[in-house]
Amino acid sequence: MSGVQPISLITLCSSHPLD
């Protein structure tokens, strides 16, 4: 995973939160 910003991971988590 080269050039993957941390914001991307945050966005994914926000899309489907495991709450």
PDB file of N, CA and C in Angstrom:
ATOM      1  N   MET A   1       0.851  -1.203   0.000  1.00  0.00           N
ATOM      2  CA  MET A   1       0.000   0.000   0.000  1.00  0.00           C
ATOM      3  C   MET A   1       0.885   1.250   0.000  1.00  0.00           C
ATOM      4  N   SER A   2       1.349   1.625  -1.158  1.00  0.00           N
ATOM      5  CA  SER A   2       2.238   2.782  -1.252  1.00  0.00           C
ATOM      6  C   SER A   2       1.443   4.040  -1.567  1.00  0.00           C
ATOM      7  N   GLY A   3       1.663   5.098  -0.819  1.00  0.00           N
ATOM      8  CA  GLY A   3       0.977   6.367  -1.071  1.00  0.00           C
ATOM      9  C   GLY A   3      -0.432   6.371  -0.518  1.00  0.00           C
ATOM     10  N   VAL A   4      -0.665   5.658   0.577  1.00  0.00           N
ATOM     11  CA  VAL A   4      -1.998   5.618   1.187  1.00  0.00           C
ATOM     12  C   VAL A   4      -2.054   6.573   2.377  1.00  0.00           C
ATOM     13  N   GLN A   5      -2.870   7.611   2.259  1.00  0.00           N
ATOM     14  CA  GLN A   5      -2.983   8.584   3.345  1.00  0.00           C
ATOM     15  C   GLN A   5      -3.818   8.010   4.486  1.00  0.00           C
ATOM     16  N   PRO A   6      -3.487   8.382   5.742  1.00  0.00           N
ATOM     17  CA  PRO A   6      -4.220   7.906   6.925  1.00  0.00           C
ATOM     18  C   PRO A   6      -5.681   8.353   6.905  1.00  0.00           C
ATOM     19  N   ILE A   7      -5.930   9.477   6.233  1.00  0.00           N
ATOM     20  CA  ILE A   7      -7.299   9.998   6.135  1.00  0.00           C
ATOM     21  C   ILE A   7      -8.208   8.993   5.436  1.00  0.00           C
ATOM     22  N   SER A   8      -7.644   8.211   4.540  1.00  0.00           N
ATOM     23  CA  SER A   8      -8.420   7.217   3.806  1.00  0.00           C
ATOM     24  C   SER A   8      -8.971   6.158   4.765  1.00  0.00           C
ATOM     25  N   LEU A   9      -8.113   5.709   5.684  1.00  0.00           N
ATOM     26  CA  LEU A   9      -8.518   4.704   6.663  1.00  0.00           C
ATOM     27  C   LEU A   9      -9.602   5.262   7.574  1.00  0.00           C
ATOM     28  N   ILE A  10      -9.452   6.523   7.956  1.00  0.00           N
ATOM     29  CA  ILE A  10     -10.431   7.172   8.828  1.00  0.00           C
ATOM     30  C   ILE A  10     -11.779   7.257   8.117  1.00  0.00           C
ATOM     31  N   THR A  11     -11.734   7.578   6.824  1.00  0.00           N
ATOM     32  CA  THR A  11     -12.964   7.705   6.039  1.00  0.00           C
ATOM     33  C   THR A  11     -13.681   6.363   5.957  1.00  0.00           C
ATOM     34  N   LEU A  12     -12.919   5.298   5.774  1.00  0.00           N
ATOM     35  CA  LEU A  12     -13.503   3.967   5.684  1.00  0.00           C
ATOM     36  C   LEU A  12     -14.183   3.588   6.994  1.00  0.00           C
ATOM     37  N   CYS A  13     -13.518   3.895   8.095  1.00  0.00           N
ATOM     38  CA  CYS A  13     -14.067   3.581   9.419  1.00  0.00           C
ATOM     39  C   CYS A  13     -15.334   4.382   9.663  1.00  0.00           C
ATOM     40  N   SER A  14     -15.356   5.602   9.167  1.00  0.00           N
ATOM     41  CA  SER A  14     -16.509   6.476   9.359  1.00  0.00           C
ATOM     42  C   SER A  14     -17.696   5.977   8.526  1.00  0.00           C
ATOM     43  N   SER A  15     -17.372   5.347   7.386  1.00  0.00           N
ATOM     44  CA  SER A  15     -18.419   4.853   6.500  1.00  0.00           C
ATOM     45  C   SER A  15     -19.170   3.690   7.140  1.00  0.00           C
ATOM     46  N   HIS A  16     -18.414   2.798   7.815  1.00  0.00           N
ATOM     47  CA  HIS A  16     -19.046   1.643   8.454  1.00  0.00           C
ATOM     48  C   HIS A  16     -18.453   1.414   9.831  1.00  0.00           C
ATOM     49  N   PRO A  17     -18.843   2.253  10.791  1.00  0.00           N
ATOM     50  CA  PRO A  17     -18.337   2.148  12.153  1.00  0.00           C
ATOM     51  C   PRO A  17     -18.807   0.868  12.842  1.00  0.00           C
ATOM     52  N   LEU A  18     -17.887   0.214  13.564  1.00  0.00           N
ATOM     53  CA  LEU A  18     -18.247  -1.019  14.275  1.00  0.00           C
ATOM     54  C   LEU A  18     -18.759  -0.671  15.668  1.00  0.00           C
ATOM     55  N   ASP A  19     -19.747   0.181  15.704  1.00  0.00           N
ATOM     56  CA  ASP A  19     -20.289   0.637  16.986  1.00  0.00           C
ATOM     57  C   ASP A  19     -21.387  -0.296  17.472  1.00  0.00           C
TER      58      ASP A  19
END
